[in-house]
Amino acid sequence: MILILFGVLLSIITFILFLILCVWMIISFIKKKPFPKTMLIATLSGIVLVSSIYIYETYFFTFSEIDKEFTQKGPGPVTSPTEKLTANAYYELYGGAAGGVNVWVEITYKNDNNKVRTVYYADAKDHFSMEWLDEDTLNILNDNPDFPNSDRSITLVIGKEIYHENGQACKSLLMKDKYETCFQNE
């Protein structure tokens, strides 16, 4: 979150530097003054930094960036039929009084030293529940019947599939080896 805010601030500063550079370039051509090299370097540095932050946020995403400071326990634990896997849901508040709530589901692998892996992340809707269909298949219901386009429900094969509402996990180079299929809201 801090990196995103830093990126926005840096983008604004870079845009202002770019506008100043354009004005100085026009003045230097009209009045035949020397080209503003230091302003060009400052503007290009800002563009490189902003691009680097964008690339990092897009291609190096992990679920570890979830703000767990303001979380609430959701439904669960829901244990798989053979009790090897446990699903827990958590709610993440964002945006203050006018904000909303995200929900994510973590799977705990009891046979693998209680390793925890996030498999689902989306905006929370009015109706949320989880149910194991078999040992490796978890059905997640996340919808609001009053708004048909708000349905974020999905059935996931655990260990092979994940869901991230806006697709950040699907683009991440760091997460490609952790799943076979990534779903996102279309």
N, C-alpha and C. Protein backbone atom coordinates (compact mmCIF):
# COMPACT_ATOMS: atom_id res chain seq x y z
N MET A 1 0.82 -1.19 0.00
CA MET A 1 0.00 0.00 0.00
C MET A 1 0.87 1.26 0.00
N ILE A 2 1.91 1.26 0.80
CA ILE A 2 2.81 2.41 0.85
C ILE A 2 3.50 2.60 -0.49
N LEU A 3 3.86 1.47 -1.13
CA LEU A 3 4.51 1.55 -2.43
C LEU A 3 3.58 2.16 -3.48
N ILE A 4 2.30 1.85 -3.41
CA ILE A 4 1.33 2.40 -4.34
C ILE A 4 1.20 3.91 -4.12
N LEU A 5 1.09 4.33 -2.87
CA LEU A 5 1.00 5.75 -2.58
C LEU A 5 2.25 6.50 -3.03
N PHE A 6 3.41 5.89 -2.80
CA PHE A 6 4.66 6.47 -3.26
C PHE A 6 4.66 6.58 -4.78
N GLY A 7 4.16 5.56 -5.46
CA GLY A 7 4.08 5.57 -6.92
C GLY A 7 3.17 6.66 -7.44
N VAL A 8 2.04 6.88 -6.77
CA VAL A 8 1.12 7.94 -7.19
C VAL A 8 1.78 9.30 -7.01
N LEU A 9 2.40 9.52 -5.86
CA LEU A 9 3.09 10.79 -5.61
C LEU A 9 4.20 11.01 -6.63
N LEU A 10 4.96 9.97 -6.89
CA LEU A 10 6.05 10.07 -7.86
C LEU A 10 5.51 10.34 -9.27
N SER A 11 4.36 9.75 -9.61
CA SER A 11 3.74 10.01 -10.91
C SER A 11 3.35 11.47 -11.06
N ILE A 12 2.79 12.04 -10.01
CA ILE A 12 2.39 13.45 -10.06
C ILE A 12 3.61 14.35 -10.22
N ILE A 13 4.65 14.07 -9.43
CA ILE A 13 5.87 14.87 -9.53
C ILE A 13 6.49 14.73 -10.92
N THR A 14 6.52 13.52 -11.46
CA THR A 14 7.09 13.29 -12.80
C THR A 14 6.29 14.02 -13.86
N PHE A 15 4.97 14.02 -13.73
CA PHE A 15 4.13 14.73 -14.70
C PHE A 15 4.41 16.24 -14.67
N ILE A 16 4.54 16.78 -13.46
CA ILE A 16 4.86 18.21 -13.33
C ILE A 16 6.23 18.50 -13.94
N LEU A 17 7.21 17.64 -13.66
CA LEU A 17 8.55 17.81 -14.26
C LEU A 17 8.48 17.75 -15.78
N PHE A 18 7.66 16.87 -16.30
CA PHE A 18 7.51 16.74 -17.75
C PHE A 18 6.93 18.03 -18.35
N LEU A 19 5.92 18.59 -17.68
CA LEU A 19 5.33 19.84 -18.18
C LEU A 19 6.36 20.97 -18.15
N ILE A 20 7.14 21.05 -17.07
CA ILE A 20 8.18 22.07 -16.98
C ILE A 20 9.23 21.85 -18.07
N LEU A 21 9.61 20.59 -18.29
CA LEU A 21 10.57 20.27 -19.35
C LEU A 21 10.06 20.72 -20.70
N CYS A 22 8.81 20.47 -21.00
CA CYS A 22 8.24 20.88 -22.28
C CYS A 22 8.29 22.40 -22.45
N VAL A 23 7.94 23.12 -21.38
CA VAL A 23 7.98 24.58 -21.45
C VAL A 23 9.41 25.07 -21.68
N TRP A 24 10.35 24.49 -20.91
CA TRP A 24 11.76 24.89 -21.06
C TRP A 24 12.30 24.55 -22.45
N MET A 25 11.87 23.43 -23.00
CA MET A 25 12.33 23.06 -24.35
C MET A 25 11.82 24.06 -25.38
N ILE A 26 10.57 24.45 -25.24
CA ILE A 26 10.00 25.44 -26.18
C ILE A 26 10.74 26.76 -26.05
N ILE A 27 10.98 27.18 -24.81
CA ILE A 27 11.71 28.44 -24.58
C ILE A 27 13.13 28.35 -25.13
N SER A 28 13.78 27.19 -24.94
CA SER A 28 15.16 27.06 -25.43
C SER A 28 15.22 27.09 -26.96
N PHE A 29 14.21 26.58 -27.63
CA PHE A 29 14.20 26.63 -29.10
C PHE A 29 13.87 28.04 -29.61
N ILE A 30 12.94 28.72 -28.93
CA ILE A 30 12.54 30.05 -29.38
C ILE A 30 13.66 31.07 -29.12
N LYS A 31 14.21 31.04 -27.92
CA LYS A 31 15.23 32.03 -27.54
C LYS A 31 16.65 31.54 -27.80
N LYS A 32 16.76 30.38 -28.38
CA LYS A 32 18.06 29.80 -28.72
C LYS A 32 18.97 29.69 -27.49
N LYS A 33 18.38 29.21 -26.38
CA LYS A 33 19.14 28.97 -25.15
C LYS A 33 19.56 27.50 -25.11
N PRO A 34 20.49 27.14 -24.21
CA PRO A 34 20.93 25.74 -24.13
C PRO A 34 19.78 24.80 -23.71
N PHE A 35 19.86 23.58 -24.21
CA PHE A 35 18.85 22.56 -23.91
C PHE A 35 18.88 22.22 -22.41
N PRO A 36 17.71 22.10 -21.73
CA PRO A 36 17.67 21.83 -20.28
C PRO A 36 17.96 20.36 -19.95
N LYS A 37 19.24 20.00 -19.95
CA LYS A 37 19.64 18.59 -19.77
C LYS A 37 19.30 18.05 -18.38
N THR A 38 19.49 18.86 -17.34
CA THR A 38 19.22 18.35 -15.99
C THR A 38 17.73 18.07 -15.79
N MET A 39 16.88 18.90 -16.38
CA MET A 39 15.43 18.67 -16.28
C MET A 39 15.05 17.41 -17.06
N LEU A 40 15.71 17.20 -18.20
CA LEU A 40 15.46 15.98 -18.97
C LEU A 40 15.85 14.74 -18.17
N ILE A 41 17.00 14.80 -17.51
CA ILE A 41 17.46 13.66 -16.70
C ILE A 41 16.50 13.42 -15.53
N ALA A 42 16.06 14.49 -14.86
CA ALA A 42 15.13 14.35 -13.74
C ALA A 42 13.81 13.73 -14.20
N THR A 43 13.30 14.19 -15.34
CA THR A 43 12.04 13.66 -15.87
C THR A 43 12.17 12.19 -16.27
N LEU A 44 13.24 11.85 -16.95
CA LEU A 44 13.46 10.46 -17.36
C LEU A 44 13.65 9.55 -16.14
N SER A 45 14.32 10.05 -15.10
CA SER A 45 14.48 9.27 -13.87
C SER A 45 13.13 8.99 -13.23
N GLY A 46 12.27 10.01 -13.20
CA GLY A 46 10.92 9.82 -12.65
C GLY A 46 10.13 8.80 -13.45
N ILE A 47 10.23 8.86 -14.77
CA ILE A 47 9.52 7.90 -15.63
C ILE A 47 10.02 6.48 -15.37
N VAL A 48 11.33 6.33 -15.24
CA VAL A 48 11.90 5.00 -14.96
C VAL A 48 11.42 4.48 -13.60
N LEU A 49 11.41 5.33 -12.57
CA LEU A 49 10.96 4.90 -11.24
C LEU A 49 9.48 4.53 -11.24
N VAL A 50 8.64 5.35 -11.87
CA VAL A 50 7.21 5.05 -11.93
C VAL A 50 6.97 3.75 -12.69
N SER A 51 7.67 3.56 -13.78
CA SER A 51 7.54 2.31 -14.56
C SER A 51 7.99 1.11 -13.74
N SER A 52 9.06 1.27 -12.98
CA SER A 52 9.55 0.17 -12.13
C SER A 52 8.53 -0.22 -11.08
N ILE A 53 7.91 0.77 -10.45
CA ILE A 53 6.88 0.47 -9.44
C ILE A 53 5.70 -0.24 -10.08
N TYR A 54 5.27 0.21 -11.26
CA TYR A 54 4.17 -0.44 -11.96
C TYR A 54 4.51 -1.90 -12.30
N ILE A 55 5.69 -2.11 -12.82
CA ILE A 55 6.12 -3.47 -13.17
C ILE A 55 6.19 -4.35 -11.93
N TYR A 56 6.73 -3.82 -10.85
CA TYR A 56 6.82 -4.58 -9.60
C TYR A 56 5.43 -4.95 -9.09
N GLU A 57 4.52 -3.98 -9.03
CA GLU A 57 3.17 -4.24 -8.52
C GLU A 57 2.41 -5.21 -9.42
N THR A 58 2.65 -5.19 -10.70
CA THR A 58 1.93 -6.05 -11.63
C THR A 58 2.50 -7.47 -11.69
N TYR A 59 3.80 -7.61 -11.80
CA TYR A 59 4.39 -8.91 -12.08
C TYR A 59 5.05 -9.58 -10.88
N PHE A 60 5.09 -8.92 -9.74
CA PHE A 60 5.70 -9.52 -8.56
C PHE A 60 4.73 -9.50 -7.37
N PHE A 61 3.44 -9.64 -7.67
CA PHE A 61 2.40 -9.66 -6.65
C PHE A 61 2.42 -10.98 -5.88
N THR A 62 2.20 -10.89 -4.58
CA THR A 62 1.93 -12.07 -3.75
C THR A 62 0.82 -11.69 -2.79
N PHE A 63 0.16 -12.69 -2.27
CA PHE A 63 -0.92 -12.43 -1.32
C PHE A 63 -0.40 -11.92 0.02
N SER A 64 0.90 -11.92 0.22
CA SER A 64 1.46 -11.42 1.48
C SER A 64 1.22 -9.92 1.64
N GLU A 65 0.81 -9.25 0.58
CA GLU A 65 0.55 -7.82 0.65
C GLU A 65 -0.82 -7.48 1.22
N ILE A 66 -1.62 -8.48 1.55
CA ILE A 66 -2.92 -8.24 2.14
C ILE A 66 -2.72 -7.57 3.49
N ASP A 67 -3.45 -6.49 3.72
CA ASP A 67 -3.33 -5.75 4.98
C ASP A 67 -4.06 -6.51 6.08
N LYS A 68 -3.31 -7.26 6.87
CA LYS A 68 -3.91 -8.11 7.89
C LYS A 68 -4.10 -7.39 9.22
N GLU A 69 -3.78 -6.09 9.26
CA GLU A 69 -3.94 -5.32 10.49
C GLU A 69 -5.41 -5.13 10.84
N PHE A 70 -6.25 -4.92 9.84
CA PHE A 70 -7.66 -4.64 10.07
C PHE A 70 -8.53 -5.79 9.54
N THR A 71 -8.16 -7.01 9.85
CA THR A 71 -8.92 -8.15 9.37
C THR A 71 -9.87 -8.67 10.43
N GLN A 72 -10.88 -9.36 9.95
CA GLN A 72 -11.84 -10.02 10.81
C GLN A 72 -11.98 -11.45 10.34
N LYS A 73 -12.15 -12.35 11.28
CA LYS A 73 -12.32 -13.77 10.94
C LYS A 73 -13.67 -13.96 10.28
N GLY A 74 -13.67 -14.68 9.19
CA GLY A 74 -14.90 -14.97 8.47
C GLY A 74 -15.35 -16.39 8.77
N PRO A 75 -16.17 -16.96 7.88
CA PRO A 75 -16.64 -18.34 8.07
C PRO A 75 -15.47 -19.32 8.09
N GLY A 76 -15.63 -20.35 8.86
CA GLY A 76 -14.60 -21.37 8.93
C GLY A 76 -14.15 -21.54 10.35
N PRO A 77 -13.36 -22.52 10.60
CA PRO A 77 -12.75 -23.39 9.60
C PRO A 77 -13.73 -24.42 9.04
N VAL A 78 -13.53 -24.73 7.78
CA VAL A 78 -14.29 -25.76 7.10
C VAL A 78 -13.29 -26.84 6.71
N THR A 79 -13.43 -28.02 7.28
CA THR A 79 -12.46 -29.09 7.09
C THR A 79 -12.90 -30.01 5.95
N SER A 80 -11.94 -30.43 5.14
CA SER A 80 -12.22 -31.33 4.01
C SER A 80 -12.66 -32.69 4.53
N PRO A 81 -13.28 -33.51 3.68
CA PRO A 81 -13.80 -34.82 4.13
C PRO A 81 -12.76 -35.72 4.80
N THR A 82 -11.51 -35.70 4.35
CA THR A 82 -10.49 -36.55 4.98
C THR A 82 -9.69 -35.79 6.05
N GLU A 83 -10.09 -34.54 6.31
CA GLU A 83 -9.48 -33.70 7.33
C GLU A 83 -8.01 -33.36 7.06
N LYS A 84 -7.58 -33.45 5.80
CA LYS A 84 -6.20 -33.08 5.45
C LYS A 84 -6.08 -31.59 5.13
N LEU A 85 -7.19 -30.97 4.73
CA LEU A 85 -7.20 -29.55 4.37
C LEU A 85 -8.26 -28.81 5.18
N THR A 86 -7.94 -27.57 5.50
CA THR A 86 -8.89 -26.72 6.22
C THR A 86 -8.97 -25.38 5.50
N ALA A 87 -10.20 -24.91 5.28
CA ALA A 87 -10.41 -23.61 4.64
C ALA A 87 -10.88 -22.60 5.69
N ASN A 88 -10.24 -21.43 5.69
CA ASN A 88 -10.63 -20.33 6.56
C ASN A 88 -10.81 -19.09 5.72
N ALA A 89 -11.84 -18.31 6.04
CA ALA A 89 -12.08 -17.05 5.33
C ALA A 89 -11.79 -15.89 6.28
N TYR A 90 -11.32 -14.80 5.69
CA TYR A 90 -11.01 -13.59 6.45
C TYR A 90 -11.54 -12.39 5.69
N TYR A 91 -11.93 -11.37 6.43
CA TYR A 91 -12.42 -10.14 5.84
C TYR A 91 -11.41 -9.03 6.07
N GLU A 92 -11.15 -8.25 5.01
CA GLU A 92 -10.22 -7.13 5.06
C GLU A 92 -11.01 -5.85 4.80
N LEU A 93 -11.05 -4.97 5.79
CA LEU A 93 -11.75 -3.70 5.64
C LEU A 93 -10.84 -2.72 4.90
N TYR A 94 -11.42 -1.92 4.03
CA TYR A 94 -10.63 -0.91 3.32
C TYR A 94 -11.47 0.35 3.10
N GLY A 95 -10.80 1.47 3.02
CA GLY A 95 -11.45 2.72 2.64
C GLY A 95 -12.21 3.44 3.72
N GLY A 96 -12.07 3.07 4.98
CA GLY A 96 -12.75 3.78 6.06
C GLY A 96 -14.25 3.59 6.02
N ALA A 97 -14.99 4.61 6.48
CA ALA A 97 -16.45 4.52 6.60
C ALA A 97 -17.13 4.33 5.25
N ALA A 98 -16.59 4.90 4.21
CA ALA A 98 -17.20 4.80 2.88
C ALA A 98 -16.61 3.65 2.07
N GLY A 99 -15.73 2.88 2.66
CA GLY A 99 -15.04 1.81 1.93
C GLY A 99 -15.86 0.54 1.82
N GLY A 100 -15.18 -0.57 1.75
CA GLY A 100 -15.84 -1.84 1.60
C GLY A 100 -15.06 -2.93 2.31
N VAL A 101 -15.34 -4.15 1.88
CA VAL A 101 -14.73 -5.32 2.52
C VAL A 101 -14.29 -6.29 1.43
N ASN A 102 -13.05 -6.76 1.54
CA ASN A 102 -12.56 -7.85 0.70
C ASN A 102 -12.59 -9.12 1.52
N VAL A 103 -12.68 -10.25 0.84
CA VAL A 103 -12.64 -11.54 1.52
C VAL A 103 -11.57 -12.39 0.85
N TRP A 104 -10.83 -13.15 1.65
CA TRP A 104 -9.89 -14.09 1.08
C TRP A 104 -10.00 -15.40 1.82
N VAL A 105 -9.66 -16.47 1.13
CA VAL A 105 -9.74 -17.83 1.68
C VAL A 105 -8.34 -18.42 1.69
N GLU A 106 -7.96 -18.92 2.86
CA GLU A 106 -6.67 -19.58 3.03
C GLU A 106 -6.91 -21.06 3.27
N ILE A 107 -6.08 -21.88 2.66
CA ILE A 107 -6.13 -23.33 2.86
C ILE A 107 -4.93 -23.72 3.71
N THR A 108 -5.19 -24.49 4.76
CA THR A 108 -4.13 -25.01 5.61
C THR A 108 -3.94 -26.48 5.28
N TYR A 109 -2.71 -26.84 4.92
CA TYR A 109 -2.36 -28.21 4.58
C TYR A 109 -1.84 -28.89 5.84
N LYS A 110 -2.67 -29.72 6.47
CA LYS A 110 -2.28 -30.35 7.75
C LYS A 110 -1.15 -31.37 7.59
N ASN A 111 -1.05 -32.01 6.42
CA ASN A 111 0.00 -33.00 6.20
C ASN A 111 1.32 -32.37 5.75
N ASP A 112 1.35 -31.07 5.60
CA ASP A 112 2.54 -30.37 5.11
C ASP A 112 2.94 -29.28 6.12
N ASN A 113 3.12 -29.66 7.36
CA ASN A 113 3.53 -28.74 8.43
C ASN A 113 2.61 -27.53 8.56
N ASN A 114 1.32 -27.73 8.33
CA ASN A 114 0.32 -26.66 8.42
C ASN A 114 0.63 -25.47 7.51
N LYS A 115 1.18 -25.76 6.34
CA LYS A 115 1.46 -24.72 5.34
C LYS A 115 0.13 -24.06 4.96
N VAL A 116 0.16 -22.73 4.83
CA VAL A 116 -1.05 -21.97 4.50
C VAL A 116 -0.86 -21.33 3.13
N ARG A 117 -1.88 -21.47 2.29
CA ARG A 117 -1.82 -20.89 0.95
C ARG A 117 -3.16 -20.22 0.64
N THR A 118 -3.10 -18.99 0.15
CA THR A 118 -4.31 -18.26 -0.23
C THR A 118 -4.75 -18.73 -1.61
N VAL A 119 -6.06 -19.02 -1.74
CA VAL A 119 -6.57 -19.52 -3.02
C VAL A 119 -7.68 -18.66 -3.60
N TYR A 120 -8.19 -17.69 -2.82
CA TYR A 120 -9.33 -16.90 -3.27
C TYR A 120 -9.22 -15.49 -2.69
N TYR A 121 -9.48 -14.46 -3.53
CA TYR A 121 -9.48 -13.08 -3.06
C TYR A 121 -10.46 -12.29 -3.91
N ALA A 122 -11.43 -11.64 -3.26
CA ALA A 122 -12.44 -10.88 -4.00
C ALA A 122 -13.13 -9.89 -3.07
N ASP A 123 -13.93 -9.03 -3.67
CA ASP A 123 -14.77 -8.12 -2.91
C ASP A 123 -15.86 -8.95 -2.23
N ALA A 124 -16.08 -8.74 -0.94
CA ALA A 124 -17.08 -9.52 -0.20
C ALA A 124 -18.49 -9.07 -0.56
N LYS A 125 -19.36 -10.02 -0.75
CA LYS A 125 -20.76 -9.75 -1.04
C LYS A 125 -21.60 -10.16 0.16
N ASP A 126 -22.93 -9.98 0.06
CA ASP A 126 -23.83 -10.25 1.19
C ASP A 126 -23.84 -11.71 1.63
N HIS A 127 -23.80 -12.62 0.68
CA HIS A 127 -23.85 -14.05 1.00
C HIS A 127 -22.48 -14.68 0.73
N PHE A 128 -21.85 -15.16 1.79
CA PHE A 128 -20.56 -15.83 1.64
C PHE A 128 -20.58 -17.13 2.43
N SER A 129 -20.17 -18.22 1.77
CA SER A 129 -20.04 -19.51 2.45
C SER A 129 -19.06 -20.38 1.67
N MET A 130 -18.58 -21.43 2.36
CA MET A 130 -17.65 -22.38 1.74
C MET A 130 -18.13 -23.78 2.05
N GLU A 131 -17.91 -24.68 1.07
CA GLU A 131 -18.30 -26.07 1.26
C GLU A 131 -17.36 -26.96 0.44
N TRP A 132 -16.86 -28.01 1.08
CA TRP A 132 -16.02 -28.97 0.37
C TRP A 132 -16.93 -29.92 -0.41
N LEU A 133 -16.68 -30.07 -1.71
CA LEU A 133 -17.44 -31.02 -2.53
C LEU A 133 -16.78 -32.39 -2.51
N ASP A 134 -15.46 -32.41 -2.40
CA ASP A 134 -14.70 -33.64 -2.18
C ASP A 134 -13.36 -33.22 -1.56
N GLU A 135 -12.41 -34.11 -1.48
CA GLU A 135 -11.16 -33.83 -0.79
C GLU A 135 -10.38 -32.64 -1.36
N ASP A 136 -10.45 -32.41 -2.66
CA ASP A 136 -9.66 -31.35 -3.29
C ASP A 136 -10.50 -30.25 -3.93
N THR A 137 -11.80 -30.27 -3.78
CA THR A 137 -12.66 -29.31 -4.46
C THR A 137 -13.46 -28.50 -3.44
N LEU A 138 -13.24 -27.20 -3.47
CA LEU A 138 -13.91 -26.29 -2.54
C LEU A 138 -14.84 -25.38 -3.33
N ASN A 139 -16.10 -25.35 -2.92
CA ASN A 139 -17.08 -24.46 -3.53
C ASN A 139 -17.19 -23.22 -2.65
N ILE A 140 -17.00 -22.04 -3.26
CA ILE A 140 -17.07 -20.78 -2.55
C ILE A 140 -18.24 -19.99 -3.11
N LEU A 141 -19.19 -19.65 -2.25
CA LEU A 141 -20.35 -18.85 -2.63
C LEU A 141 -20.09 -17.43 -2.14
N ASN A 142 -20.08 -16.47 -3.05
CA ASN A 142 -19.85 -15.06 -2.71
C ASN A 142 -20.67 -14.23 -3.67
N ASP A 143 -21.92 -13.95 -3.29
CA ASP A 143 -22.79 -13.19 -4.19
C ASP A 143 -23.78 -12.33 -3.42
N ASN A 144 -24.49 -11.51 -4.17
CA ASN A 144 -25.56 -10.68 -3.64
C ASN A 144 -26.73 -10.88 -4.59
N PRO A 145 -27.78 -11.59 -4.17
CA PRO A 145 -28.91 -11.89 -5.07
C PRO A 145 -29.58 -10.65 -5.66
N ASP A 146 -29.49 -9.51 -4.98
CA ASP A 146 -30.11 -8.29 -5.50
C ASP A 146 -29.35 -7.70 -6.68
N PHE A 147 -28.09 -8.11 -6.84
CA PHE A 147 -27.26 -7.60 -7.93
C PHE A 147 -26.64 -8.78 -8.67
N PRO A 148 -27.29 -9.26 -9.74
CA PRO A 148 -26.81 -10.46 -10.45
C PRO A 148 -25.38 -10.36 -10.97
N ASN A 149 -24.91 -9.18 -11.31
CA ASN A 149 -23.55 -9.03 -11.83
C ASN A 149 -22.49 -9.06 -10.74
N SER A 150 -22.91 -9.20 -9.48
CA SER A 150 -21.94 -9.17 -8.38
C SER A 150 -21.47 -10.56 -7.96
N ASP A 151 -21.91 -11.59 -8.65
CA ASP A 151 -21.58 -12.96 -8.26
C ASP A 151 -20.08 -13.24 -8.44
N ARG A 152 -19.40 -13.58 -7.35
CA ARG A 152 -17.98 -13.93 -7.36
C ARG A 152 -17.79 -15.37 -6.88
N SER A 153 -18.83 -16.19 -7.04
CA SER A 153 -18.79 -17.58 -6.61
C SER A 153 -17.97 -18.41 -7.59
N ILE A 154 -17.31 -19.45 -7.05
CA ILE A 154 -16.49 -20.30 -7.90
C ILE A 154 -16.23 -21.63 -7.19
N THR A 155 -15.97 -22.65 -7.97
CA THR A 155 -15.54 -23.94 -7.44
C THR A 155 -14.09 -24.13 -7.85
N LEU A 156 -13.23 -24.33 -6.85
CA LEU A 156 -11.79 -24.43 -7.09
C LEU A 156 -11.26 -25.82 -6.76
N VAL A 157 -10.38 -26.32 -7.61
CA VAL A 157 -9.62 -27.53 -7.31
C VAL A 157 -8.38 -27.07 -6.57
N ILE A 158 -8.32 -27.37 -5.29
CA ILE A 158 -7.25 -26.87 -4.43
C ILE A 158 -5.92 -27.50 -4.83
N GLY A 159 -4.91 -26.65 -4.91
CA GLY A 159 -3.58 -27.08 -5.35
C GLY A 159 -3.36 -26.87 -6.83
N LYS A 160 -4.47 -26.62 -7.58
CA LYS A 160 -4.36 -26.42 -9.02
C LYS A 160 -4.95 -25.10 -9.48
N GLU A 161 -5.92 -24.56 -8.75
CA GLU A 161 -6.62 -23.37 -9.20
C GLU A 161 -6.69 -22.32 -8.09
N ILE A 162 -6.67 -21.05 -8.51
CA ILE A 162 -6.89 -19.94 -7.58
C ILE A 162 -7.79 -18.93 -8.26
N TYR A 163 -8.31 -18.00 -7.45
CA TYR A 163 -9.16 -16.93 -7.96
C TYR A 163 -8.70 -15.62 -7.35
N HIS A 164 -8.49 -14.61 -8.20
CA HIS A 164 -8.19 -13.26 -7.75
C HIS A 164 -9.06 -12.34 -8.57
N GLU A 165 -9.96 -11.61 -7.92
CA GLU A 165 -10.99 -10.84 -8.61
C GLU A 165 -10.45 -9.94 -9.73
N ASN A 166 -9.40 -9.17 -9.46
CA ASN A 166 -8.91 -8.27 -10.51
C ASN A 166 -7.73 -8.84 -11.29
N GLY A 167 -7.34 -10.07 -11.03
CA GLY A 167 -6.35 -10.76 -11.84
C GLY A 167 -4.89 -10.52 -11.49
N GLN A 168 -4.61 -9.82 -10.38
CA GLN A 168 -3.21 -9.57 -10.03
C GLN A 168 -2.44 -10.87 -9.84
N ALA A 169 -3.04 -11.86 -9.20
CA ALA A 169 -2.35 -13.13 -8.99
C ALA A 169 -2.13 -13.86 -10.31
N CYS A 170 -3.01 -13.62 -11.27
CA CYS A 170 -2.88 -14.28 -12.57
C CYS A 170 -1.71 -13.75 -13.38
N LYS A 171 -1.34 -12.49 -13.17
CA LYS A 171 -0.24 -11.87 -13.90
C LYS A 171 1.12 -12.07 -13.20
N SER A 172 1.09 -12.41 -11.93
CA SER A 172 2.30 -12.46 -11.13
C SER A 172 3.26 -13.56 -11.57
N LEU A 173 4.50 -13.17 -11.81
CA LEU A 173 5.54 -14.14 -12.16
C LEU A 173 5.93 -14.99 -10.95
N LEU A 174 5.77 -14.44 -9.76
CA LEU A 174 6.13 -15.16 -8.54
C LEU A 174 5.13 -16.25 -8.18
N MET A 175 3.92 -16.17 -8.71
CA MET A 175 2.89 -17.13 -8.34
C MET A 175 2.60 -18.17 -9.42
N LYS A 176 3.20 -18.02 -10.58
CA LYS A 176 2.90 -18.93 -11.70
C LYS A 176 3.14 -20.40 -11.38
N ASP A 177 4.12 -20.70 -10.53
CA ASP A 177 4.43 -22.09 -10.21
C ASP A 177 3.55 -22.65 -9.09
N LYS A 178 2.65 -21.85 -8.53
CA LYS A 178 1.83 -22.29 -7.40
C LYS A 178 0.43 -22.75 -7.80
N TYR A 179 0.09 -22.65 -9.08
CA TYR A 179 -1.22 -23.07 -9.55
C TYR A 179 -1.14 -23.38 -11.05
N GLU A 180 -2.14 -24.10 -11.53
CA GLU A 180 -2.21 -24.40 -12.96
C GLU A 180 -3.15 -23.43 -13.68
N THR A 181 -4.23 -23.03 -12.99
CA THR A 181 -5.22 -22.16 -13.59
C THR A 181 -5.57 -21.04 -12.61
N CYS A 182 -5.63 -19.83 -13.15
CA CYS A 182 -6.00 -18.67 -12.34
C CYS A 182 -7.25 -18.05 -12.95
N PHE A 183 -8.25 -17.84 -12.10
CA PHE A 183 -9.50 -17.22 -12.56
C PHE A 183 -9.57 -15.81 -12.05
N GLN A 184 -10.26 -14.96 -12.84
CA GLN A 184 -10.48 -13.59 -12.42
C GLN A 184 -11.84 -13.16 -12.92
N ASN A 185 -12.37 -12.07 -12.34
CA ASN A 185 -13.67 -11.56 -12.76
C ASN A 185 -13.53 -10.94 -14.13
N GLU A 186 -14.41 -11.27 -15.02
CA GLU A 186 -14.32 -10.79 -16.40
C GLU A 186 -15.15 -9.57 -16.62
